[in-house]
Amino acid sequence: MQNDKLKFKDEFKRRIYKFALEIIKLVDELPKEKTCEIIGNQLLRSATSVGANVVEANSACSKKDYINFFNYALKSANESKFWLGLLRDSGKFDKDKTNKLLKETTEIANILASSILTLKGRK
């Protein structure tokens, strides 16, 4: 059981890292327009913050601190969904690629939310 948890944690970290790399590629492919630059910067910050906060949680000094880092990661994932939706709906980026990343962001957010509930003992 403990081995499965460690395997899941490692897999989740790799998944979040891969997600951040995909966002970096997306931002680099955006049209060189002012709006895309602004939205791209916001997306880059929020999407990379997800992984940074999950990694930082491992250094937490208490369970409350650990949960707080997961909460920050969840907020960043939700913010990323907003920016991805704007790029898709404004026609500034390929809908299929954006939808794929939106799906991944939603799955990551769901895992984070479920983890938070479990950590708080509500699941």
N, C-alpha and C. Protein backbone atom coordinates (compact mmCIF):
# COMPACT_ATOMS: atom_id res chain seq x y z
N MET A 1 0.82 -1.20 0.00
CA MET A 1 0.00 0.00 0.00
C MET A 1 0.87 1.27 0.00
N GLN A 2 1.86 1.29 0.89
CA GLN A 2 2.76 2.45 0.97
C GLN A 2 3.54 2.62 -0.33
N ASN A 3 3.94 1.49 -0.92
CA ASN A 3 4.65 1.51 -2.19
C ASN A 3 3.81 2.13 -3.30
N ASP A 4 2.50 1.80 -3.31
CA ASP A 4 1.59 2.36 -4.30
C ASP A 4 1.47 3.87 -4.15
N LYS A 5 1.43 4.34 -2.90
CA LYS A 5 1.34 5.79 -2.65
C LYS A 5 2.58 6.51 -3.17
N LEU A 6 3.74 5.94 -2.90
CA LEU A 6 4.99 6.56 -3.37
C LEU A 6 5.06 6.55 -4.89
N LYS A 7 4.62 5.46 -5.50
CA LYS A 7 4.61 5.36 -6.95
C LYS A 7 3.67 6.42 -7.55
N PHE A 8 2.48 6.58 -6.93
CA PHE A 8 1.52 7.57 -7.41
C PHE A 8 2.09 8.98 -7.27
N LYS A 9 2.72 9.28 -6.12
CA LYS A 9 3.31 10.61 -5.92
C LYS A 9 4.37 10.92 -6.96
N ASP A 10 5.24 9.94 -7.23
CA ASP A 10 6.29 10.14 -8.23
C ASP A 10 5.69 10.34 -9.62
N GLU A 11 4.70 9.52 -9.94
CA GLU A 11 4.04 9.63 -11.24
C GLU A 11 3.34 10.99 -11.39
N PHE A 12 2.71 11.44 -10.31
CA PHE A 12 2.01 12.73 -10.33
C PHE A 12 3.00 13.87 -10.54
N LYS A 13 4.15 13.82 -9.87
CA LYS A 13 5.17 14.85 -10.05
C LYS A 13 5.67 14.88 -11.49
N ARG A 14 5.90 13.70 -12.07
CA ARG A 14 6.33 13.64 -13.48
C ARG A 14 5.26 14.21 -14.40
N ARG A 15 4.02 13.90 -14.08
CA ARG A 15 2.90 14.39 -14.90
C ARG A 15 2.82 15.91 -14.86
N ILE A 16 2.98 16.48 -13.68
CA ILE A 16 2.93 17.94 -13.53
C ILE A 16 4.13 18.60 -14.24
N TYR A 17 5.28 17.95 -14.16
CA TYR A 17 6.47 18.47 -14.83
C TYR A 17 6.26 18.46 -16.34
N LYS A 18 5.73 17.36 -16.86
CA LYS A 18 5.46 17.25 -18.30
C LYS A 18 4.43 18.31 -18.71
N PHE A 19 3.43 18.53 -17.87
CA PHE A 19 2.42 19.56 -18.13
C PHE A 19 3.08 20.93 -18.25
N ALA A 20 3.99 21.26 -17.34
CA ALA A 20 4.69 22.54 -17.38
C ALA A 20 5.49 22.67 -18.67
N LEU A 21 6.14 21.60 -19.09
CA LEU A 21 6.90 21.63 -20.34
C LEU A 21 5.98 21.88 -21.54
N GLU A 22 4.81 21.27 -21.54
CA GLU A 22 3.84 21.48 -22.63
C GLU A 22 3.36 22.93 -22.65
N ILE A 23 3.17 23.51 -21.49
CA ILE A 23 2.76 24.93 -21.41
C ILE A 23 3.87 25.82 -21.95
N ILE A 24 5.12 25.51 -21.62
CA ILE A 24 6.24 26.29 -22.14
C ILE A 24 6.23 26.26 -23.67
N LYS A 25 6.02 25.08 -24.24
CA LYS A 25 5.94 24.96 -25.71
C LYS A 25 4.81 25.80 -26.26
N LEU A 26 3.65 25.73 -25.62
CA LEU A 26 2.49 26.50 -26.08
C LEU A 26 2.81 27.99 -26.08
N VAL A 27 3.35 28.48 -24.99
CA VAL A 27 3.65 29.91 -24.87
C VAL A 27 4.66 30.33 -25.94
N ASP A 28 5.64 29.47 -26.20
CA ASP A 28 6.63 29.79 -27.23
C ASP A 28 6.02 29.82 -28.64
N GLU A 29 4.92 29.10 -28.84
CA GLU A 29 4.26 29.05 -30.14
C GLU A 29 3.19 30.13 -30.34
N LEU A 30 2.88 30.88 -29.31
CA LEU A 30 1.84 31.90 -29.43
C LEU A 30 2.23 32.98 -30.42
N PRO A 31 1.24 33.57 -31.09
CA PRO A 31 1.54 34.69 -31.99
C PRO A 31 2.22 35.82 -31.21
N LYS A 32 3.07 36.55 -31.89
CA LYS A 32 3.81 37.65 -31.26
C LYS A 32 2.95 38.91 -31.24
N GLU A 33 1.89 38.84 -30.44
CA GLU A 33 0.97 39.97 -30.26
C GLU A 33 0.95 40.35 -28.79
N LYS A 34 0.58 41.57 -28.50
CA LYS A 34 0.55 42.07 -27.12
C LYS A 34 -0.36 41.21 -26.23
N THR A 35 -1.57 40.92 -26.72
CA THR A 35 -2.51 40.13 -25.90
C THR A 35 -1.97 38.74 -25.61
N CYS A 36 -1.37 38.13 -26.61
CA CYS A 36 -0.82 36.78 -26.42
C CYS A 36 0.37 36.80 -25.46
N GLU A 37 1.14 37.86 -25.53
CA GLU A 37 2.28 38.00 -24.62
C GLU A 37 1.79 38.08 -23.17
N ILE A 38 0.76 38.88 -22.94
CA ILE A 38 0.23 39.05 -21.59
C ILE A 38 -0.42 37.77 -21.08
N ILE A 39 -1.29 37.19 -21.89
CA ILE A 39 -1.96 35.94 -21.48
C ILE A 39 -0.93 34.82 -21.34
N GLY A 40 0.03 34.76 -22.26
CA GLY A 40 1.07 33.74 -22.19
C GLY A 40 1.89 33.83 -20.92
N ASN A 41 2.25 35.06 -20.53
CA ASN A 41 3.00 35.25 -19.28
C ASN A 41 2.19 34.80 -18.07
N GLN A 42 0.92 35.15 -18.05
CA GLN A 42 0.06 34.75 -16.93
C GLN A 42 -0.08 33.22 -16.88
N LEU A 43 -0.29 32.62 -18.04
CA LEU A 43 -0.43 31.17 -18.12
C LEU A 43 0.86 30.48 -17.68
N LEU A 44 1.98 30.98 -18.15
CA LEU A 44 3.27 30.40 -17.78
C LEU A 44 3.49 30.45 -16.27
N ARG A 45 3.15 31.57 -15.67
CA ARG A 45 3.31 31.71 -14.21
C ARG A 45 2.40 30.74 -13.46
N SER A 46 1.12 30.71 -13.84
CA SER A 46 0.18 29.88 -13.09
C SER A 46 0.45 28.39 -13.31
N ALA A 47 0.74 27.99 -14.54
CA ALA A 47 0.93 26.57 -14.83
C ALA A 47 2.20 26.02 -14.19
N THR A 48 3.28 26.79 -14.21
CA THR A 48 4.51 26.31 -13.58
C THR A 48 4.42 26.38 -12.06
N SER A 49 3.55 27.22 -11.55
CA SER A 49 3.34 27.31 -10.11
C SER A 49 2.71 26.04 -9.54
N VAL A 50 1.94 25.35 -10.36
CA VAL A 50 1.32 24.10 -9.90
C VAL A 50 2.42 23.14 -9.44
N GLY A 51 3.36 22.86 -10.31
CA GLY A 51 4.44 21.94 -9.99
C GLY A 51 5.33 22.45 -8.87
N ALA A 52 5.63 23.72 -8.89
CA ALA A 52 6.50 24.29 -7.86
C ALA A 52 5.88 24.12 -6.47
N ASN A 53 4.58 24.32 -6.37
CA ASN A 53 3.93 24.18 -5.06
C ASN A 53 3.81 22.73 -4.62
N VAL A 54 3.61 21.82 -5.56
CA VAL A 54 3.57 20.40 -5.19
C VAL A 54 4.95 19.95 -4.69
N VAL A 55 6.00 20.38 -5.36
CA VAL A 55 7.36 20.04 -4.93
C VAL A 55 7.64 20.68 -3.57
N GLU A 56 7.24 21.92 -3.42
CA GLU A 56 7.47 22.64 -2.15
C GLU A 56 6.73 21.97 -0.99
N ALA A 57 5.60 21.36 -1.25
CA ALA A 57 4.84 20.67 -0.20
C ALA A 57 5.68 19.59 0.47
N ASN A 58 6.59 19.00 -0.28
CA ASN A 58 7.44 17.94 0.29
C ASN A 58 8.37 18.46 1.38
N SER A 59 8.60 19.76 1.39
CA SER A 59 9.45 20.37 2.42
C SER A 59 8.64 21.03 3.52
N ALA A 60 7.35 20.80 3.50
CA ALA A 60 6.47 21.44 4.49
C ALA A 60 6.85 20.99 5.90
N CYS A 61 6.69 21.90 6.85
CA CYS A 61 7.05 21.59 8.23
C CYS A 61 5.87 21.07 9.05
N SER A 62 4.69 21.07 8.45
CA SER A 62 3.52 20.55 9.16
C SER A 62 2.48 20.09 8.14
N LYS A 63 1.50 19.35 8.64
CA LYS A 63 0.43 18.90 7.76
C LYS A 63 -0.35 20.10 7.22
N LYS A 64 -0.58 21.10 8.07
CA LYS A 64 -1.29 22.30 7.64
C LYS A 64 -0.53 23.01 6.52
N ASP A 65 0.79 23.11 6.68
CA ASP A 65 1.64 23.73 5.67
C ASP A 65 1.57 22.93 4.36
N TYR A 66 1.62 21.61 4.47
CA TYR A 66 1.53 20.72 3.30
C TYR A 66 0.22 20.96 2.56
N ILE A 67 -0.87 21.01 3.30
CA ILE A 67 -2.19 21.25 2.70
C ILE A 67 -2.23 22.62 2.02
N ASN A 68 -1.62 23.62 2.66
CA ASN A 68 -1.60 24.96 2.08
C ASN A 68 -0.90 24.98 0.72
N PHE A 69 0.21 24.27 0.61
CA PHE A 69 0.91 24.21 -0.68
C PHE A 69 0.03 23.54 -1.75
N PHE A 70 -0.70 22.50 -1.35
CA PHE A 70 -1.61 21.84 -2.30
C PHE A 70 -2.76 22.79 -2.67
N ASN A 71 -3.22 23.58 -1.73
CA ASN A 71 -4.25 24.58 -2.03
C ASN A 71 -3.74 25.61 -3.04
N TYR A 72 -2.50 26.07 -2.86
CA TYR A 72 -1.92 27.02 -3.82
C TYR A 72 -1.79 26.38 -5.19
N ALA A 73 -1.38 25.12 -5.23
CA ALA A 73 -1.25 24.41 -6.51
C ALA A 73 -2.62 24.30 -7.19
N LEU A 74 -3.65 24.00 -6.41
CA LEU A 74 -5.00 23.90 -6.97
C LEU A 74 -5.47 25.24 -7.52
N LYS A 75 -5.22 26.31 -6.79
CA LYS A 75 -5.60 27.64 -7.27
C LYS A 75 -4.87 27.97 -8.57
N SER A 76 -3.61 27.61 -8.65
CA SER A 76 -2.84 27.86 -9.87
C SER A 76 -3.36 27.04 -11.03
N ALA A 77 -3.76 25.80 -10.77
CA ALA A 77 -4.34 24.96 -11.83
C ALA A 77 -5.65 25.58 -12.33
N ASN A 78 -6.47 26.05 -11.41
CA ASN A 78 -7.73 26.68 -11.82
C ASN A 78 -7.49 27.96 -12.60
N GLU A 79 -6.49 28.72 -12.20
CA GLU A 79 -6.14 29.93 -12.95
C GLU A 79 -5.65 29.56 -14.35
N SER A 80 -4.88 28.51 -14.44
CA SER A 80 -4.38 28.05 -15.75
C SER A 80 -5.52 27.69 -16.68
N LYS A 81 -6.57 27.09 -16.13
CA LYS A 81 -7.74 26.75 -16.95
C LYS A 81 -8.36 28.01 -17.54
N PHE A 82 -8.41 29.06 -16.75
CA PHE A 82 -8.95 30.34 -17.23
C PHE A 82 -8.16 30.86 -18.42
N TRP A 83 -6.81 30.91 -18.29
CA TRP A 83 -5.97 31.46 -19.35
C TRP A 83 -6.03 30.58 -20.60
N LEU A 84 -6.04 29.27 -20.41
CA LEU A 84 -6.15 28.37 -21.57
C LEU A 84 -7.49 28.57 -22.28
N GLY A 85 -8.55 28.73 -21.51
CA GLY A 85 -9.86 28.98 -22.10
C GLY A 85 -9.89 30.27 -22.90
N LEU A 86 -9.25 31.31 -22.39
CA LEU A 86 -9.17 32.58 -23.14
C LEU A 86 -8.43 32.41 -24.45
N LEU A 87 -7.32 31.70 -24.41
CA LEU A 87 -6.56 31.48 -25.65
C LEU A 87 -7.39 30.70 -26.67
N ARG A 88 -8.07 29.68 -26.21
CA ARG A 88 -8.89 28.88 -27.11
C ARG A 88 -10.05 29.68 -27.67
N ASP A 89 -10.81 30.33 -26.79
CA ASP A 89 -12.04 31.01 -27.21
C ASP A 89 -11.79 32.30 -27.99
N SER A 90 -10.61 32.87 -27.83
CA SER A 90 -10.26 34.07 -28.60
C SER A 90 -9.69 33.71 -29.97
N GLY A 91 -9.46 32.42 -30.19
CA GLY A 91 -8.91 31.98 -31.47
C GLY A 91 -7.42 32.25 -31.61
N LYS A 92 -6.76 32.52 -30.50
CA LYS A 92 -5.33 32.85 -30.55
C LYS A 92 -4.44 31.61 -30.61
N PHE A 93 -5.02 30.43 -30.30
CA PHE A 93 -4.23 29.21 -30.33
C PHE A 93 -5.10 28.04 -30.77
N ASP A 94 -4.48 27.03 -31.30
CA ASP A 94 -5.15 25.84 -31.82
C ASP A 94 -6.10 25.23 -30.77
N LYS A 95 -7.38 25.06 -31.17
CA LYS A 95 -8.40 24.55 -30.24
C LYS A 95 -8.10 23.14 -29.76
N ASP A 96 -7.65 22.26 -30.64
CA ASP A 96 -7.38 20.88 -30.23
C ASP A 96 -6.25 20.81 -29.20
N LYS A 97 -5.17 21.55 -29.45
CA LYS A 97 -4.05 21.56 -28.51
C LYS A 97 -4.47 22.17 -27.17
N THR A 98 -5.24 23.23 -27.25
CA THR A 98 -5.69 23.90 -26.04
C THR A 98 -6.64 23.00 -25.25
N ASN A 99 -7.56 22.34 -25.95
CA ASN A 99 -8.49 21.43 -25.27
C ASN A 99 -7.76 20.28 -24.59
N LYS A 100 -6.72 19.78 -25.23
CA LYS A 100 -5.92 18.70 -24.63
C LYS A 100 -5.28 19.18 -23.33
N LEU A 101 -4.72 20.39 -23.35
CA LEU A 101 -4.11 20.94 -22.14
C LEU A 101 -5.15 21.29 -21.09
N LEU A 102 -6.30 21.76 -21.53
CA LEU A 102 -7.39 22.04 -20.57
C LEU A 102 -7.83 20.75 -19.88
N LYS A 103 -7.92 19.67 -20.62
CA LYS A 103 -8.30 18.38 -20.04
C LYS A 103 -7.26 17.94 -19.00
N GLU A 104 -6.00 18.07 -19.35
CA GLU A 104 -4.93 17.70 -18.42
C GLU A 104 -4.95 18.59 -17.18
N THR A 105 -5.17 19.88 -17.36
CA THR A 105 -5.23 20.81 -16.23
C THR A 105 -6.39 20.44 -15.31
N THR A 106 -7.53 20.10 -15.88
CA THR A 106 -8.69 19.71 -15.09
C THR A 106 -8.41 18.43 -14.31
N GLU A 107 -7.76 17.47 -14.94
CA GLU A 107 -7.43 16.23 -14.24
C GLU A 107 -6.45 16.48 -13.09
N ILE A 108 -5.46 17.31 -13.34
CA ILE A 108 -4.50 17.67 -12.28
C ILE A 108 -5.23 18.37 -11.14
N ALA A 109 -6.12 19.30 -11.47
CA ALA A 109 -6.88 20.02 -10.43
C ALA A 109 -7.74 19.05 -9.63
N ASN A 110 -8.35 18.09 -10.30
CA ASN A 110 -9.18 17.10 -9.60
C ASN A 110 -8.36 16.24 -8.65
N ILE A 111 -7.16 15.86 -9.07
CA ILE A 111 -6.28 15.07 -8.19
C ILE A 111 -5.87 15.90 -6.98
N LEU A 112 -5.53 17.16 -7.22
CA LEU A 112 -5.15 18.04 -6.10
C LEU A 112 -6.31 18.23 -5.13
N ALA A 113 -7.51 18.47 -5.66
CA ALA A 113 -8.69 18.68 -4.80
C ALA A 113 -8.99 17.43 -3.99
N SER A 114 -8.91 16.28 -4.63
CA SER A 114 -9.15 15.02 -3.93
C SER A 114 -8.10 14.79 -2.84
N SER A 115 -6.85 15.11 -3.15
CA SER A 115 -5.78 14.97 -2.17
C SER A 115 -6.00 15.88 -0.96
N ILE A 116 -6.43 17.09 -1.23
CA ILE A 116 -6.69 18.04 -0.14
C ILE A 116 -7.80 17.51 0.76
N LEU A 117 -8.87 17.02 0.16
CA LEU A 117 -9.97 16.46 0.97
C LEU A 117 -9.51 15.28 1.78
N THR A 118 -8.71 14.42 1.19
CA THR A 118 -8.18 13.25 1.91
C THR A 118 -7.30 13.70 3.08
N LEU A 119 -6.42 14.67 2.81
CA LEU A 119 -5.54 15.18 3.86
C LEU A 119 -6.32 15.82 5.00
N LYS A 120 -7.43 16.43 4.67
CA LYS A 120 -8.26 17.06 5.70
C LYS A 120 -9.18 16.04 6.38
N GLY A 121 -9.17 14.81 5.88
CA GLY A 121 -9.98 13.75 6.49
C GLY A 121 -11.43 13.80 6.11
N ARG A 122 -11.76 14.39 4.97
CA ARG A 122 -13.15 14.54 4.55
C ARG A 122 -13.51 13.59 3.42
N LYS A 123 -12.66 12.59 3.18
CA LYS A 123 -12.96 11.65 2.11
C LYS A 123 -12.69 10.25 2.56
